[in-house]
Amino acid sequence: MESEAKTVEPKDHVSSDNLEKLFHRMTRVTEEAELTLAETTKAVVSLTAVMELIRSQAANVEKMAEEVSELAGMAQKRAESTRTFSMLATISSTICTGLAVILLILLIQVKG
């Protein structure tokens, strides 16, 4: 039995059409990658700006919270002062009423 052996030789030659197609595909892939990179860069820049704005707003909110806390403390002190003043006014009114009663009694005794 005789066998026919075929030798397969490797292709060392690539056609210019295939090279051109490969070049065009690689060019398109490169362009798409550059566009994607540009869009990603824009997105990162935008996100960075948003983060800075959020940090800035957080600092403003913190300052406002401190101011509100100070105002609450002042309001509490004023409320305490108002209660004290109200108690003093009530005591003063009671004293004036008592003095008026004493003066009426003295007036009755003097006339009587």
PDB file of N, CA and C in Angstrom:
ATOM      1  N   MET A   1       0.829  -1.169   0.000  1.00  0.00           N
ATOM      2  CA  MET A   1       0.000   0.000   0.000  1.00  0.00           C
ATOM      3  C   MET A   1       0.878   1.239   0.000  1.00  0.00           C
ATOM      4  N   GLU A   2       0.608   1.922  -0.977  1.00  0.00           N
ATOM      5  CA  GLU A   2       1.351   3.162  -1.089  1.00  0.00           C
ATOM      6  C   GLU A   2       0.508   4.295  -0.547  1.00  0.00           C
ATOM      7  N   SER A   3       1.106   5.098   0.227  1.00  0.00           N
ATOM      8  CA  SER A   3       0.365   6.253   0.736  1.00  0.00           C
ATOM      9  C   SER A   3       0.917   7.499   0.102  1.00  0.00           C
ATOM     10  N   GLU A   4       0.003   8.331  -0.165  1.00  0.00           N
ATOM     11  CA  GLU A   4       0.432   9.597  -0.748  1.00  0.00           C
ATOM     12  C   GLU A   4       0.588  10.602   0.368  1.00  0.00           C
ATOM     13  N   ALA A   5       1.738  11.054   0.535  1.00  0.00           N
ATOM     14  CA  ALA A   5       1.992  12.060   1.569  1.00  0.00           C
ATOM     15  C   ALA A   5       2.004  13.423   0.928  1.00  0.00           C
ATOM     16  N   LYS A   6       1.215  14.326   1.521  1.00  0.00           N
ATOM     17  CA  LYS A   6       1.213  15.693   1.020  1.00  0.00           C
ATOM     18  C   LYS A   6       1.905  16.573   2.038  1.00  0.00           C
ATOM     19  N   THR A   7       2.695  17.388   1.559  1.00  0.00           N
ATOM     20  CA  THR A   7       3.398  18.314   2.432  1.00  0.00           C
ATOM     21  C   THR A   7       2.664  19.640   2.401  1.00  0.00           C
ATOM     22  N   VAL A   8       2.432  20.151   3.598  1.00  0.00           N
ATOM     23  CA  VAL A   8       1.780  21.459   3.700  1.00  0.00           C
ATOM     24  C   VAL A   8       2.847  22.456   4.071  1.00  0.00           C
ATOM     25  N   GLU A   9       2.992  23.400   3.248  1.00  0.00           N
ATOM     26  CA  GLU A   9       3.992  24.426   3.516  1.00  0.00           C
ATOM     27  C   GLU A   9       3.307  25.648   4.115  1.00  0.00           C
ATOM     28  N   PRO A  10       3.929  26.228   5.131  1.00  0.00           N
ATOM     29  CA  PRO A  10       3.306  27.411   5.743  1.00  0.00           C
ATOM     30  C   PRO A  10       3.316  28.579   4.781  1.00  0.00           C
ATOM     31  N   LYS A  11       2.288  29.403   4.949  1.00  0.00           N
ATOM     32  CA  LYS A  11       2.206  30.588   4.095  1.00  0.00           C
ATOM     33  C   LYS A  11       3.056  31.673   4.732  1.00  0.00           C
ATOM     34  N   ASP A  12       4.032  32.060   4.053  1.00  0.00           N
ATOM     35  CA  ASP A  12       4.853  33.168   4.529  1.00  0.00           C
ATOM     36  C   ASP A  12       4.370  34.468   3.927  1.00  0.00           C
ATOM     37  N   HIS A  13       3.469  34.333   3.057  1.00  0.00           N
ATOM     38  CA  HIS A  13       3.026  35.513   2.332  1.00  0.00           C
ATOM     39  C   HIS A  13       1.578  35.828   2.738  1.00  0.00           C
ATOM     40  N   VAL A  14       1.348  37.090   3.145  1.00  0.00           N
ATOM     41  CA  VAL A  14       0.002  37.549   3.465  1.00  0.00           C
ATOM     42  C   VAL A  14      -0.372  38.533   2.380  1.00  0.00           C
ATOM     43  N   SER A  15      -1.564  38.387   1.894  1.00  0.00           N
ATOM     44  CA  SER A  15      -1.958  39.243   0.776  1.00  0.00           C
ATOM     45  C   SER A  15      -2.086  40.694   1.216  1.00  0.00           C
ATOM     46  N   SER A  16      -1.868  41.566   0.286  1.00  0.00           N
ATOM     47  CA  SER A  16      -1.954  42.998   0.599  1.00  0.00           C
ATOM     48  C   SER A  16      -3.388  43.392   0.935  1.00  0.00           C
ATOM     49  N   ASP A  17      -4.360  42.701   0.355  1.00  0.00           N
ATOM     50  CA  ASP A  17      -5.771  42.981   0.694  1.00  0.00           C
ATOM     51  C   ASP A  17      -6.038  42.683   2.164  1.00  0.00           C
ATOM     52  N   ASN A  18      -5.532  41.545   2.634  1.00  0.00           N
ATOM     53  CA  ASN A  18      -5.728  41.185   4.037  1.00  0.00           C
ATOM     54  C   ASN A  18      -5.027  42.172   4.962  1.00  0.00           C
ATOM     55  N   LEU A  19      -3.845  42.580   4.580  1.00  0.00           N
ATOM     56  CA  LEU A  19      -3.125  43.573   5.391  1.00  0.00           C
ATOM     57  C   LEU A  19      -3.877  44.894   5.441  1.00  0.00           C
ATOM     58  N   GLU A  20      -4.435  45.287   4.310  1.00  0.00           N
ATOM     59  CA  GLU A  20      -5.177  46.546   4.259  1.00  0.00           C
ATOM     60  C   GLU A  20      -6.436  46.461   5.124  1.00  0.00           C
ATOM     61  N   LYS A  21      -7.144  45.328   5.042  1.00  0.00           N
ATOM     62  CA  LYS A  21      -8.342  45.134   5.875  1.00  0.00           C
ATOM     63  C   LYS A  21      -7.968  45.187   7.352  1.00  0.00           C
ATOM     64  N   LEU A  22      -6.891  44.493   7.702  1.00  0.00           N
ATOM     65  CA  LEU A  22      -6.426  44.493   9.089  1.00  0.00           C
ATOM     66  C   LEU A  22      -6.057  45.906   9.540  1.00  0.00           C
ATOM     67  N   PHE A  23      -5.396  46.656   8.689  1.00  0.00           N
ATOM     68  CA  PHE A  23      -5.016  48.032   9.001  1.00  0.00           C
ATOM     69  C   PHE A  23      -6.259  48.888   9.252  1.00  0.00           C
ATOM     70  N   HIS A  24      -7.283  48.759   8.395  1.00  0.00           N
ATOM     71  CA  HIS A  24      -8.514  49.538   8.555  1.00  0.00           C
ATOM     72  C   HIS A  24      -9.248  49.155   9.843  1.00  0.00           C
ATOM     73  N   ARG A  25      -9.280  47.865  10.133  1.00  0.00           N
ATOM     74  CA  ARG A  25      -9.934  47.426  11.379  1.00  0.00           C
ATOM     75  C   ARG A  25      -9.192  47.970  12.599  1.00  0.00           C
ATOM     76  N   MET A  26      -7.890  47.876  12.555  1.00  0.00           N
ATOM     77  CA  MET A  26      -7.083  48.382  13.683  1.00  0.00           C
ATOM     78  C   MET A  26      -7.259  49.896  13.835  1.00  0.00           C
ATOM     79  N   THR A  27      -7.350  50.593  12.702  1.00  0.00           N
ATOM     80  CA  THR A  27      -7.568  52.041  12.746  1.00  0.00           C
ATOM     81  C   THR A  27      -8.914  52.359  13.385  1.00  0.00           C
ATOM     82  N   ARG A  28      -9.964  51.627  12.979  1.00  0.00           N
ATOM     83  CA  ARG A  28     -11.292  51.845  13.576  1.00  0.00           C
ATOM     84  C   ARG A  28     -11.292  51.549  15.065  1.00  0.00           C
ATOM     85  N   VAL A  29     -10.670  50.458  15.450  1.00  0.00           N
ATOM     86  CA  VAL A  29     -10.605  50.098  16.875  1.00  0.00           C
ATOM     87  C   VAL A  29      -9.859  51.179  17.654  1.00  0.00           C
ATOM     88  N   THR A  30      -8.786  51.676  17.090  1.00  0.00           N
ATOM     89  CA  THR A  30      -8.006  52.733  17.746  1.00  0.00           C
ATOM     90  C   THR A  30      -8.838  54.001  17.888  1.00  0.00           C
ATOM     91  N   GLU A  31      -9.566  54.382  16.822  1.00  0.00           N
ATOM     92  CA  GLU A  31     -10.412  55.573  16.880  1.00  0.00           C
ATOM     93  C   GLU A  31     -11.511  55.421  17.921  1.00  0.00           C
ATOM     94  N   GLU A  32     -12.139  54.256  17.959  1.00  0.00           N
ATOM     95  CA  GLU A  32     -13.187  54.000  18.953  1.00  0.00           C
ATOM     96  C   GLU A  32     -12.613  54.048  20.365  1.00  0.00           C
ATOM     97  N   ALA A  33     -11.429  53.495  20.540  1.00  0.00           N
ATOM     98  CA  ALA A  33     -10.788  53.527  21.860  1.00  0.00           C
ATOM     99  C   ALA A  33     -10.473  54.954  22.272  1.00  0.00           C
ATOM    100  N   GLU A  34     -10.011  55.777  21.314  1.00  0.00           N
ATOM    101  CA  GLU A  34      -9.714  57.177  21.621  1.00  0.00           C
ATOM    102  C   GLU A  34     -10.977  57.939  21.988  1.00  0.00           C
ATOM    103  N   LEU A  35     -12.079  57.682  21.255  1.00  0.00           N
ATOM    104  CA  LEU A  35     -13.358  58.326  21.592  1.00  0.00           C
ATOM    105  C   LEU A  35     -13.844  57.909  22.972  1.00  0.00           C
ATOM    106  N   THR A  36     -13.736  56.621  23.241  1.00  0.00           N
ATOM    107  CA  THR A  36     -14.156  56.114  24.550  1.00  0.00           C
ATOM    108  C   THR A  36     -13.312  56.733  25.654  1.00  0.00           C
ATOM    109  N   LEU A  37     -12.025  56.833  25.425  1.00  0.00           N
ATOM    110  CA  LEU A  37     -11.134  57.450  26.416  1.00  0.00           C
ATOM    111  C   LEU A  37     -11.491  58.916  26.624  1.00  0.00           C
ATOM    112  N   ALA A  38     -11.787  59.636  25.540  1.00  0.00           N
ATOM    113  CA  ALA A  38     -12.168  61.050  25.658  1.00  0.00           C
ATOM    114  C   ALA A  38     -13.467  61.203  26.435  1.00  0.00           C
ATOM    115  N   GLU A  39     -14.449  60.350  26.138  1.00  0.00           N
ATOM    116  CA  GLU A  39     -15.725  60.403  26.861  1.00  0.00           C
ATOM    117  C   GLU A  39     -15.527  60.057  28.329  1.00  0.00           C
ATOM    118  N   THR A  40     -14.710  59.072  28.595  1.00  0.00           N
ATOM    119  CA  THR A  40     -14.431  58.683  29.981  1.00  0.00           C
ATOM    120  C   THR A  40     -13.735  59.813  30.725  1.00  0.00           C
ATOM    121  N   THR A  41     -12.801  60.462  30.051  1.00  0.00           N
ATOM    122  CA  THR A  41     -12.092  61.590  30.669  1.00  0.00           C
ATOM    123  C   THR A  41     -13.057  62.713  30.998  1.00  0.00           C
ATOM    124  N   LYS A  42     -13.970  63.026  30.052  1.00  0.00           N
ATOM    125  CA  LYS A  42     -14.983  64.065  30.307  1.00  0.00           C
ATOM    126  C   LYS A  42     -15.849  63.684  31.505  1.00  0.00           C
ATOM    127  N   ALA A  43     -16.246  62.417  31.566  1.00  0.00           N
ATOM    128  CA  ALA A  43     -17.087  61.958  32.668  1.00  0.00           C
ATOM    129  C   ALA A  43     -16.349  62.083  33.998  1.00  0.00           C
ATOM    130  N   VAL A  44     -15.082  61.731  34.008  1.00  0.00           N
ATOM    131  CA  VAL A  44     -14.289  61.830  35.243  1.00  0.00           C
ATOM    132  C   VAL A  44     -14.154  63.282  35.674  1.00  0.00           C
ATOM    133  N   VAL A  45     -13.912  64.180  34.713  1.00  0.00           N
ATOM    134  CA  VAL A  45     -13.801  65.605  35.026  1.00  0.00           C
ATOM    135  C   VAL A  45     -15.124  66.116  35.593  1.00  0.00           C
ATOM    136  N   SER A  46     -16.232  65.723  34.977  1.00  0.00           N
ATOM    137  CA  SER A  46     -17.556  66.141  35.466  1.00  0.00           C
ATOM    138  C   SER A  46     -17.810  65.611  36.867  1.00  0.00           C
ATOM    139  N   LEU A  47     -17.500  64.343  37.086  1.00  0.00           N
ATOM    140  CA  LEU A  47     -17.709  63.756  38.412  1.00  0.00           C
ATOM    141  C   LEU A  47     -16.829  64.438  39.462  1.00  0.00           C
ATOM    142  N   THR A  48     -15.615  64.803  39.072  1.00  0.00           N
ATOM    143  CA  THR A  48     -14.732  65.501  39.996  1.00  0.00           C
ATOM    144  C   THR A  48     -15.323  66.857  40.368  1.00  0.00           C
ATOM    145  N   ALA A  49     -15.857  67.558  39.371  1.00  0.00           N
ATOM    146  CA  ALA A  49     -16.492  68.858  39.644  1.00  0.00           C
ATOM    147  C   ALA A  49     -17.699  68.694  40.557  1.00  0.00           C
ATOM    148  N   VAL A  50     -18.483  67.665  40.313  1.00  0.00           N
ATOM    149  CA  VAL A  50     -19.654  67.414  41.167  1.00  0.00           C
ATOM    150  C   VAL A  50     -19.214  67.104  42.592  1.00  0.00           C
ATOM    151  N   MET A  51     -18.171  66.304  42.742  1.00  0.00           N
ATOM    152  CA  MET A  51     -17.674  65.980  44.084  1.00  0.00           C
ATOM    153  C   MET A  51     -17.194  67.233  44.810  1.00  0.00           C
ATOM    154  N   GLU A  52     -16.502  68.120  44.097  1.00  0.00           N
ATOM    155  CA  GLU A  52     -16.040  69.373  44.702  1.00  0.00           C
ATOM    156  C   GLU A  52     -17.224  70.225  45.131  1.00  0.00           C
ATOM    157  N   LEU A  53     -18.251  70.275  44.289  1.00  0.00           N
ATOM    158  CA  LEU A  53     -19.452  71.034  44.631  1.00  0.00           C
ATOM    159  C   LEU A  53     -20.126  70.448  45.862  1.00  0.00           C
ATOM    160  N   ILE A  54     -20.197  69.129  45.926  1.00  0.00           N
ATOM    161  CA  ILE A  54     -20.806  68.471  47.092  1.00  0.00           C
ATOM    162  C   ILE A  54     -19.996  68.766  48.344  1.00  0.00           C
ATOM    163  N   ARG A  55     -18.671  68.697  48.236  1.00  0.00           N
ATOM    164  CA  ARG A  55     -17.824  69.017  49.396  1.00  0.00           C
ATOM    165  C   ARG A  55     -18.047  70.451  49.849  1.00  0.00           C
ATOM    166  N   SER A  56     -18.121  71.365  48.881  1.00  0.00           N
ATOM    167  CA  SER A  56     -18.335  72.779  49.186  1.00  0.00           C
ATOM    168  C   SER A  56     -19.686  72.969  49.880  1.00  0.00           C
ATOM    169  N   GLN A  57     -20.719  72.336  49.331  1.00  0.00           N
ATOM    170  CA  GLN A  57     -22.051  72.454  49.925  1.00  0.00           C
ATOM    171  C   GLN A  57     -22.077  71.824  51.317  1.00  0.00           C
ATOM    172  N   ALA A  58     -21.378  70.730  51.499  1.00  0.00           N
ATOM    173  CA  ALA A  58     -21.330  70.085  52.819  1.00  0.00           C
ATOM    174  C   ALA A  58     -20.687  71.025  53.830  1.00  0.00           C
ATOM    175  N   ALA A  59     -19.637  71.729  53.418  1.00  0.00           N
ATOM    176  CA  ALA A  59     -18.985  72.686  54.312  1.00  0.00           C
ATOM    177  C   ALA A  59     -19.951  73.825  54.644  1.00  0.00           C
ATOM    178  N   ASN A  60     -20.700  74.301  53.647  1.00  0.00           N
ATOM    179  CA  ASN A  60     -21.683  75.366  53.893  1.00  0.00           C
ATOM    180  C   ASN A  60     -22.781  74.895  54.837  1.00  0.00           C
ATOM    181  N   VAL A  61     -23.248  73.679  54.644  1.00  0.00           N
ATOM    182  CA  VAL A  61     -24.295  73.132  55.513  1.00  0.00           C
ATOM    183  C   VAL A  61     -23.776  73.007  56.940  1.00  0.00           C
ATOM    184  N   GLU A  62     -22.529  72.588  57.074  1.00  0.00           N
ATOM    185  CA  GLU A  62     -21.936  72.446  58.407  1.00  0.00           C
ATOM    186  C   GLU A  62     -21.867  73.812  59.100  1.00  0.00           C
ATOM    187  N   LYS A  63     -21.441  74.846  58.354  1.00  0.00           N
ATOM    188  CA  LYS A  63     -21.388  76.195  58.918  1.00  0.00           C
ATOM    189  C   LYS A  63     -22.777  76.665  59.325  1.00  0.00           C
ATOM    190  N   MET A  64     -23.773  76.414  58.465  1.00  0.00           N
ATOM    191  CA  MET A  64     -25.140  76.829  58.780  1.00  0.00           C
ATOM    192  C   MET A  64     -25.656  76.087  60.012  1.00  0.00           C
ATOM    193  N   ALA A  65     -25.311  74.826  60.149  1.00  0.00           N
ATOM    194  CA  ALA A  65     -25.741  74.053  61.316  1.00  0.00           C
ATOM    195  C   ALA A  65     -25.138  74.646  62.589  1.00  0.00           C
ATOM    196  N   GLU A  66     -23.877  75.066  62.520  1.00  0.00           N
ATOM    197  CA  GLU A  66     -23.242  75.699  63.677  1.00  0.00           C
ATOM    198  C   GLU A  66     -23.944  77.008  64.026  1.00  0.00           C
ATOM    199  N   GLU A  67     -24.281  77.791  63.000  1.00  0.00           N
ATOM    200  CA  GLU A  67     -24.967  79.062  63.232  1.00  0.00           C
ATOM    201  C   GLU A  67     -26.346  78.838  63.841  1.00  0.00           C
ATOM    202  N   VAL A  68     -27.068  77.838  63.335  1.00  0.00           N
ATOM    203  CA  VAL A  68     -28.387  77.529  63.878  1.00  0.00           C
ATOM    204  C   VAL A  68     -28.266  77.085  65.329  1.00  0.00           C
ATOM    205  N   SER A  69     -27.232  76.313  65.622  1.00  0.00           N
ATOM    206  CA  SER A  69     -27.016  75.870  67.000  1.00  0.00           C
ATOM    207  C   SER A  69     -26.758  77.064  67.916  1.00  0.00           C
ATOM    208  N   GLU A  70     -25.944  78.022  67.440  1.00  0.00           N
ATOM    209  CA  GLU A  70     -25.673  79.227  68.221  1.00  0.00           C
ATOM    210  C   GLU A  70     -26.958  80.028  68.430  1.00  0.00           C
ATOM    211  N   LEU A  71     -27.757  80.159  67.364  1.00  0.00           N
ATOM    212  CA  LEU A  71     -29.018  80.885  67.477  1.00  0.00           C
ATOM    213  C   LEU A  71     -29.973  80.198  68.448  1.00  0.00           C
ATOM    214  N   ALA A  72     -29.985  78.881  68.440  1.00  0.00           N
ATOM    215  CA  ALA A  72     -30.839  78.133  69.369  1.00  0.00           C
ATOM    216  C   ALA A  72     -30.405  78.400  70.806  1.00  0.00           C
ATOM    217  N   GLY A  73     -29.081  78.448  71.025  1.00  0.00           N
ATOM    218  CA  GLY A  73     -28.574  78.754  72.363  1.00  0.00           C
ATOM    219  C   GLY A  73     -28.972  80.157  72.795  1.00  0.00           C
ATOM    220  N   MET A  74     -28.874  81.116  71.877  1.00  0.00           N
ATOM    221  CA  MET A  74     -29.274  82.493  72.195  1.00  0.00           C
ATOM    222  C   MET A  74     -30.773  82.570  72.484  1.00  0.00           C
ATOM    223  N   ALA A  75     -31.571  81.857  71.707  1.00  0.00           N
ATOM    224  CA  ALA A  75     -33.018  81.850  71.918  1.00  0.00           C
ATOM    225  C   ALA A  75     -33.358  81.252  73.277  1.00  0.00           C
ATOM    226  N   GLN A  76     -32.626  80.211  73.659  1.00  0.00           N
ATOM    227  CA  GLN A  76     -32.879  79.588  74.965  1.00  0.00           C
ATOM    228  C   GLN A  76     -32.536  80.563  76.087  1.00  0.00           C
ATOM    229  N   LYS A  77     -31.401  81.289  75.947  1.00  0.00           N
ATOM    230  CA  LYS A  77     -31.030  82.273  76.961  1.00  0.00           C
ATOM    231  C   LYS A  77     -32.068  83.377  77.049  1.00  0.00           C
ATOM    232  N   ARG A  78     -32.578  83.820  75.888  1.00  0.00           N
ATOM    233  CA  ARG A  78     -33.610  84.867  75.893  1.00  0.00           C
ATOM    234  C   ARG A  78     -34.895  84.364  76.527  1.00  0.00           C
ATOM    235  N   ALA A  79     -35.233  83.109  76.251  1.00  0.00           N
ATOM    236  CA  ALA A  79     -36.432  82.535  76.866  1.00  0.00           C
ATOM    237  C   ALA A  79     -36.286  82.487  78.380  1.00  0.00           C
ATOM    238  N   GLU A  80     -35.097  82.118  78.841  1.00  0.00           N
ATOM    239  CA  GLU A  80     -34.851  82.096  80.281  1.00  0.00           C
ATOM    240  C   GLU A  80     -34.926  83.512  80.854  1.00  0.00           C
ATOM    241  N   SER A  81     -34.367  84.476  80.137  1.00  0.00           N
ATOM    242  CA  SER A  81     -34.430  85.871  80.584  1.00  0.00           C
ATOM    243  C   SER A  81     -35.872  86.351  80.609  1.00  0.00           C
ATOM    244  N   THR A  82     -36.647  85.958  79.608  1.00  0.00           N
ATOM    245  CA  THR A  82     -38.056  86.357  79.546  1.00  0.00           C
ATOM    246  C   THR A  82     -38.830  85.766  80.714  1.00  0.00           C
ATOM    247  N   ARG A  83     -38.551  84.499  81.043  1.00  0.00           N
ATOM    248  CA  ARG A  83     -39.232  83.879  82.198  1.00  0.00           C
ATOM    249  C   ARG A  83     -38.867  84.614  83.483  1.00  0.00           C
ATOM    250  N   THR A  84     -37.587  84.949  83.625  1.00  0.00           N
ATOM    251  CA  THR A  84     -37.143  85.681  84.818  1.00  0.00           C
ATOM    252  C   THR A  84     -37.822  87.042  84.879  1.00  0.00           C
ATOM    253  N   PHE A  85     -37.866  87.752  83.740  1.00  0.00           N
ATOM    254  CA  PHE A  85     -38.504  89.057  83.696  1.00  0.00           C
ATOM    255  C   PHE A  85     -39.990  88.927  84.012  1.00  0.00           C
ATOM    256  N   SER A  86     -40.630  87.896  83.497  1.00  0.00           N
ATOM    257  CA  SER A  86     -42.050  87.669  83.752  1.00  0.00           C
ATOM    258  C   SER A  86     -42.299  87.435  85.242  1.00  0.00           C
ATOM    259  N   MET A  87     -41.414  86.645  85.871  1.00  0.00           N
ATOM    260  CA  MET A  87     -41.564  86.400  87.317  1.00  0.00           C
ATOM    261  C   MET A  87     -41.368  87.697  88.093  1.00  0.00           C
ATOM    262  N   LEU A  88     -40.375  88.509  87.696  1.00  0.00           N
ATOM    263  CA  LEU A  88     -40.140  89.792  88.364  1.00  0.00           C
ATOM    264  C   LEU A  88     -41.329  90.724  88.178  1.00  0.00           C
ATOM    265  N   ALA A  89     -41.924  90.722  86.984  1.00  0.00           N
ATOM    266  CA  ALA A  89     -43.094  91.560  86.729  1.00  0.00           C
ATOM    267  C   ALA A  89     -44.267  91.115  87.594  1.00  0.00           C
ATOM    268  N   THR A  90     -44.450  89.808  87.747  1.00  0.00           N
ATOM    269  CA  THR A  90     -45.538  89.287  88.595  1.00  0.00           C
ATOM    270  C   THR A  90     -45.313  89.693  90.048  1.00  0.00           C
ATOM    271  N   ILE A  91     -44.071  89.563  90.521  1.00  0.00           N
ATOM    272  CA  ILE A  91     -43.739  89.962  91.907  1.00  0.00           C
ATOM    273  C   ILE A  91     -43.973  91.454  92.086  1.00  0.00           C
ATOM    274  N   SER A  92     -43.524  92.249  91.117  1.00  0.00           N
ATOM    275  CA  SER A  92     -43.701  93.701  91.180  1.00  0.00           C
ATOM    276  C   SER A  92     -45.181  94.054  91.205  1.00  0.00           C
ATOM    277  N   SER A  93     -45.974  93.396  90.381  1.00  0.00           N
ATOM    278  CA  SER A  93     -47.418  93.644  90.348  1.00  0.00           C
ATOM    279  C   SER A  93     -48.058  93.288  91.682  1.00  0.00           C
ATOM    280  N   THR A  94     -47.626  92.177  92.269  1.00  0.00           N
ATOM    281  CA  THR A  94     -48.164  91.760  93.570  1.00  0.00           C
ATOM    282  C   THR A  94     -47.810  92.786  94.640  1.00  0.00           C
ATOM    283  N   ILE A  95     -46.577  93.277  94.614  1.00  0.00           N
ATOM    284  CA  ILE A  95     -46.143  94.282  95.585  1.00  0.00           C
ATOM    285  C   ILE A  95     -46.964  95.569  95.427  1.00  0.00           C
ATOM    286  N   CYS A  96     -47.166  95.994  94.168  1.00  0.00           N
ATOM    287  CA  CYS A  96     -47.957  97.205  93.913  1.00  0.00           C
ATOM    288  C   CYS A  96     -49.395  97.032  94.408  1.00  0.00           C
ATOM    289  N   THR A  97     -49.969  95.841  94.176  1.00  0.00           N
ATOM    290  CA  THR A  97     -51.331  95.573  94.648  1.00  0.00           C
ATOM    291  C   THR A  97     -51.366  95.625  96.168  1.00  0.00           C
ATOM    292  N   GLY A  98     -50.359  95.025  96.802  1.00  0.00           N
ATOM    293  CA  GLY A  98     -50.290  95.055  98.276  1.00  0.00           C
ATOM    294  C   GLY A  98     -50.157  96.475  98.790  1.00  0.00           C
ATOM    295  N   LEU A  99     -49.324  97.280  98.149  1.00  0.00           N
ATOM    296  CA  LEU A  99     -49.164  98.677  98.569  1.00  0.00           C
ATOM    297  C   LEU A  99     -50.470  99.451  98.392  1.00  0.00           C
ATOM    298  N   ALA A 100     -51.166  99.180  97.291  1.00  0.00           N
ATOM    299  CA  ALA A 100     -52.452  99.851  97.074  1.00  0.00           C
ATOM    300  C   ALA A 100     -53.438  99.483  98.171  1.00  0.00           C
ATOM    301  N   VAL A 101     -53.475  98.235  98.596  1.00  0.00           N
ATOM    302  CA  VAL A 101     -54.380  97.799  99.671  1.00  0.00           C
ATOM    303  C   VAL A 101     -53.996  98.492 100.970  1.00  0.00           C
ATOM    304  N   ILE A 102     -52.695  98.558 101.239  1.00  0.00           N
ATOM    305  CA  ILE A 102     -52.234  99.217 102.469  1.00  0.00           C
ATOM    306  C   ILE A 102     -52.608 100.696 102.435  1.00  0.00           C
ATOM    307  N   LEU A 103     -52.437 101.350 101.302  1.00  0.00           N
ATOM    308  CA  LEU A 103     -52.799 102.771 101.195  1.00  0.00           C
ATOM    309  C   LEU A 103     -54.299 102.972 101.382  1.00  0.00           C
ATOM    310  N   LEU A 104     -55.118 102.040 100.832  1.00  0.00           N
ATOM    311  CA  LEU A 104     -56.561 102.146 101.036  1.00  0.00           C
ATOM    312  C   LEU A 104     -56.930 101.999 102.514  1.00  0.00           C
ATOM    313  N   ILE A 105     -56.278 101.066 103.178  1.00  0.00           N
ATOM    314  CA  ILE A 105     -56.551 100.860 104.618  1.00  0.00           C
ATOM    315  C   ILE A 105     -56.155 102.109 105.397  1.00  0.00           C
ATOM    316  N   LEU A 106     -54.971 102.663 105.067  1.00  0.00           N
ATOM    317  CA  LEU A 106     -54.525 103.877 105.760  1.00  0.00           C
ATOM    318  C   LEU A 106     -55.473 105.046 105.472  1.00  0.00           C
ATOM    319  N   LEU A 107     -55.938 105.150 104.245  1.00  0.00           N
ATOM    320  CA  LEU A 107     -56.857 106.221 103.885  1.00  0.00           C
ATOM    321  C   LEU A 107     -58.174 106.077 104.636  1.00  0.00           C
ATOM    322  N   ILE A 108     -58.654 104.862 104.777  1.00  0.00           N
ATOM    323  CA  ILE A 108     -59.896 104.616 105.519  1.00  0.00           C
ATOM    324  C   ILE A 108     -59.712 104.987 106.990  1.00  0.00           C
ATOM    325  N   GLN A 109     -58.570 104.638 107.557  1.00  0.00           N
ATOM    326  CA  GLN A 109     -58.296 104.933 108.969  1.00  0.00           C
ATOM    327  C   GLN A 109     -58.172 106.447 109.185  1.00  0.00           C
ATOM    328  N   VAL A 110     -57.564 107.136 108.254  1.00  0.00           N
ATOM    329  CA  VAL A 110     -57.376 108.566 108.390  1.00  0.00           C
ATOM    330  C   VAL A 110     -58.736 109.266 108.282  1.00  0.00           C
ATOM    331  N   LYS A 111     -59.621 108.852 107.429  1.00  0.00           N
ATOM    332  CA  LYS A 111     -60.915 109.472 107.237  1.00  0.00           C
ATOM    333  C   LYS A 111     -61.883 109.027 108.327  1.00  0.00           C
ATOM    334  N   GLY A 112     -61.651 107.927 108.879  1.00  0.00           N
ATOM    335  CA  GLY A 112     -62.607 107.326 109.779  1.00  0.00           C
ATOM    336  C   GLY A 112     -62.487 107.672 111.160  1.00  0.00           C
TER     337      GLY A 112
END
